[in-house]
Amino acid sequence: MAKVELKQPVIEEIANCVNGAQAAVLVQYLGLTVEQDTALRKELREAGVHYKVYKNTMMKRAFEGTEFAELDQHLDGPNALAVSKDDPIIAERILAKYVKAHKCFNFVGGVIEGNYADPDKLQEMANIPSREVLLGRLFGSMQSPIANFARVIKQIAEKDGAPAEAPAAE
């Protein structure tokens, strides 16, 4: 079998992985211990993120003609690919924890919802709170004026004395 025939399934695997993906992030993974790498892979897998180390030439061929072709400029050296099909930010959040904890583990580049992101942009996006946190903040800020109004009314009523009681029905 020719080498091209052996490489084609890997290229197709990468192409299928990034097809329809919300985000694809390249990281330089050198320097992690086996335990750290296992913990990272487990956390990414539980979040629904596909994470794998591929050869750079295979990724270049798989990215040809797609929105992920902008990552070709970073395909030199040891890179791992993290792909998320559901949440465009989850991979960055998880990877950012490892980038912060390990000096040798770095963001290289990424494509988020069709837009190229450099390492600084990826780090910035990782710091965005989750959807649930943002919704909680929104509802809290919407509830705050109503709660304050109710407290003021209660204080006014207490200041003026107890409200008059309704006459008893006979």
Protein backbone atom coordinates (compact mmCIF):
# COMPACT_ATOMS: atom_id res chain seq x y z
CA MET A 1 0.00 0.00 0.00
CA ALA A 2 1.28 3.48 -0.85
CA LYS A 3 1.97 6.04 1.85
CA VAL A 4 -0.77 8.30 0.48
CA GLU A 5 -3.35 5.54 1.00
CA LEU A 6 -2.21 5.12 4.61
CA LYS A 7 -2.48 8.84 5.31
CA GLN A 8 -5.88 9.38 3.69
CA PRO A 9 -7.95 7.93 6.59
CA VAL A 10 -6.19 10.25 9.06
CA ILE A 11 -6.84 13.27 6.82
CA GLU A 12 -10.50 12.26 6.53
CA GLU A 13 -10.72 11.84 10.32
CA ILE A 14 -9.42 15.39 10.85
CA ALA A 15 -11.68 16.79 8.12
CA ASN A 16 -14.73 15.07 9.66
CA CYS A 17 -13.75 16.33 13.09
CA VAL A 18 -13.56 20.00 12.05
CA ASN A 19 -16.56 19.80 9.71
CA GLY A 20 -19.35 21.76 11.41
CA ALA A 21 -17.17 22.64 14.40
CA GLN A 22 -17.83 25.81 16.40
CA ALA A 23 -14.17 26.09 17.43
CA ALA A 24 -10.79 24.56 16.66
CA VAL A 25 -7.82 25.48 18.83
CA LEU A 26 -4.16 24.58 18.37
CA VAL A 27 -2.00 24.26 21.47
CA GLN A 28 1.67 23.53 21.97
CA TYR A 29 1.56 20.60 24.36
CA LEU A 30 5.20 19.95 25.25
CA GLY A 31 6.23 19.68 28.88
CA LEU A 32 3.11 18.11 30.35
CA THR A 33 3.57 14.99 32.42
CA VAL A 34 1.54 11.90 31.61
CA GLU A 35 -0.73 12.54 34.60
CA GLN A 36 -1.34 16.15 33.57
CA ASP A 37 -2.03 15.17 29.96
CA THR A 38 -4.41 12.42 31.09
CA ALA A 39 -6.29 14.85 33.33
CA LEU A 40 -6.51 17.39 30.48
CA ARG A 41 -7.82 14.80 28.02
CA LYS A 42 -10.38 13.53 30.55
CA GLU A 43 -11.66 17.04 31.26
CA LEU A 44 -11.91 17.86 27.54
CA ARG A 45 -13.63 14.56 26.75
CA GLU A 46 -16.22 15.14 29.51
CA ALA A 47 -16.94 18.58 28.02
CA GLY A 48 -17.49 17.08 24.56
CA VAL A 49 -14.24 18.42 23.08
CA HIS A 50 -12.24 16.27 20.67
CA TYR A 51 -8.53 16.57 21.54
CA LYS A 52 -5.80 14.78 19.67
CA VAL A 53 -2.25 15.16 18.44
CA TYR A 54 -1.97 14.92 14.67
CA LYS A 55 0.91 15.43 12.28
CA ASN A 56 1.06 19.00 11.00
CA THR A 57 1.10 17.91 7.34
CA MET A 58 -2.07 15.89 7.90
CA MET A 59 -3.82 18.88 9.48
CA LYS A 60 -2.70 21.15 6.61
CA ARG A 61 -4.25 18.79 4.07
CA ALA A 62 -7.45 18.41 6.09
CA PHE A 63 -7.81 22.20 6.56
CA GLU A 64 -7.41 22.98 2.82
CA GLY A 65 -10.41 24.86 1.49
CA THR A 66 -12.05 25.28 4.90
CA GLU A 67 -12.33 28.18 7.33
CA PHE A 68 -9.65 26.44 9.41
CA ALA A 69 -7.01 26.93 6.69
CA GLU A 70 -5.85 30.06 8.56
CA LEU A 71 -4.30 27.74 11.14
CA ASP A 72 -1.76 26.53 8.53
CA GLN A 73 0.60 29.35 9.50
CA HIS A 74 0.97 27.78 12.97
CA LEU A 75 1.49 24.20 11.87
CA ASP A 76 5.12 23.77 12.80
CA GLY A 77 6.43 22.16 15.93
CA PRO A 78 4.46 19.97 18.33
CA ASN A 79 0.77 20.88 18.14
CA ALA A 80 -2.41 19.32 19.44
CA LEU A 81 -5.86 20.08 18.08
CA ALA A 82 -8.91 20.67 20.29
CA VAL A 83 -12.25 20.80 18.45
CA SER A 84 -15.64 21.68 19.90
CA LYS A 85 -18.83 21.22 17.90
CA ASP A 86 -21.30 22.48 20.50
CA ASP A 87 -19.85 25.29 22.63
CA PRO A 88 -17.40 27.67 20.95
CA ILE A 89 -15.71 28.68 24.22
CA ILE A 90 -15.52 25.48 26.30
CA ALA A 91 -12.23 24.27 24.80
CA GLU A 92 -10.56 27.63 25.45
CA ARG A 93 -11.77 27.68 29.07
CA ILE A 94 -10.39 24.25 29.86
CA LEU A 95 -7.13 24.77 27.97
CA ALA A 96 -6.62 28.20 29.59
CA LYS A 97 -6.39 26.56 33.01
CA TYR A 98 -3.49 24.46 31.77
CA VAL A 99 -1.86 27.38 29.95
CA LYS A 100 -1.93 29.33 33.21
CA ALA A 101 -0.63 26.42 35.30
CA HIS A 102 2.14 25.22 32.94
CA LYS A 103 4.59 27.60 31.29
CA CYS A 104 5.41 25.14 28.50
CA PHE A 105 1.76 24.60 27.48
CA ASN A 106 0.61 27.45 25.21
CA PHE A 107 -2.15 28.56 22.89
CA VAL A 108 -0.93 28.70 19.29
CA GLY A 109 -4.03 29.89 17.43
CA GLY A 110 -7.62 29.04 16.74
CA VAL A 111 -10.71 29.56 14.67
CA ILE A 112 -13.85 30.39 16.65
CA GLU A 113 -17.14 30.46 14.75
CA GLY A 114 -15.28 31.11 11.49
CA ASN A 115 -13.05 33.90 12.86
CA TYR A 116 -9.32 33.54 13.36
CA ALA A 117 -8.10 34.12 16.93
CA ASP A 118 -4.49 34.62 18.00
CA PRO A 119 -3.24 33.36 21.40
CA ASP A 120 -4.11 36.63 23.16
CA LYS A 121 -7.65 36.57 21.78
CA LEU A 122 -8.05 32.92 22.85
CA GLN A 123 -6.96 33.79 26.40
CA GLU A 124 -9.36 36.74 26.43
CA MET A 125 -12.25 34.55 25.24
CA ALA A 126 -11.46 31.94 27.88
CA ASN A 127 -12.06 34.57 30.56
CA ILE A 128 -15.63 35.26 29.39
CA PRO A 129 -18.06 33.86 31.98
CA SER A 130 -20.25 30.92 30.98
CA ARG A 131 -23.76 31.41 29.62
CA GLU A 132 -25.31 30.30 32.92
CA VAL A 133 -23.27 32.86 34.90
CA LEU A 134 -24.18 35.65 32.48
CA LEU A 135 -27.88 34.74 32.65
CA GLY A 136 -27.70 34.68 36.44
CA ARG A 137 -26.17 38.15 36.46
CA LEU A 138 -28.83 39.41 34.06
CA PHE A 139 -31.73 38.07 36.12
CA GLY A 140 -30.11 39.33 39.32
CA SER A 141 -29.82 42.82 37.89
CA MET A 142 -33.44 42.67 36.67
CA GLN A 143 -34.67 41.50 40.07
CA SER A 144 -32.69 44.07 42.07
CA PRO A 145 -34.86 47.17 41.36
CA ILE A 146 -38.05 45.27 42.16
CA ALA A 147 -36.62 43.96 45.44
CA ASN A 148 -35.38 47.44 46.39
CA PHE A 149 -38.80 48.94 45.64
CA ALA A 150 -40.49 46.32 47.83
CA ARG A 151 -38.08 47.09 50.71
CA VAL A 152 -38.77 50.84 50.46
CA ILE A 153 -42.55 50.30 50.51
CA LYS A 154 -42.19 48.01 53.53
CA GLN A 155 -40.05 50.58 55.37
CA ILE A 156 -42.57 53.35 54.65
CA ALA A 157 -45.39 51.18 55.95
CA GLU A 158 -43.44 50.34 59.12
CA LYS A 159 -42.54 54.01 59.66
CA ASP A 160 -46.16 55.16 59.44
CA GLY A 161 -47.27 52.45 61.82
CA ALA A 162 -49.09 49.22 61.32
CA PRO A 163 -51.77 49.33 58.66
CA ALA A 164 -55.34 49.64 59.88
CA GLU A 165 -57.06 46.36 60.34
CA ALA A 166 -60.16 45.65 58.36
CA PRO A 167 -63.36 45.48 60.41
CA ALA A 168 -64.45 42.01 61.32
CA ALA A 169 -67.27 40.59 59.26
CA GLU A 170 -70.40 39.64 61.19
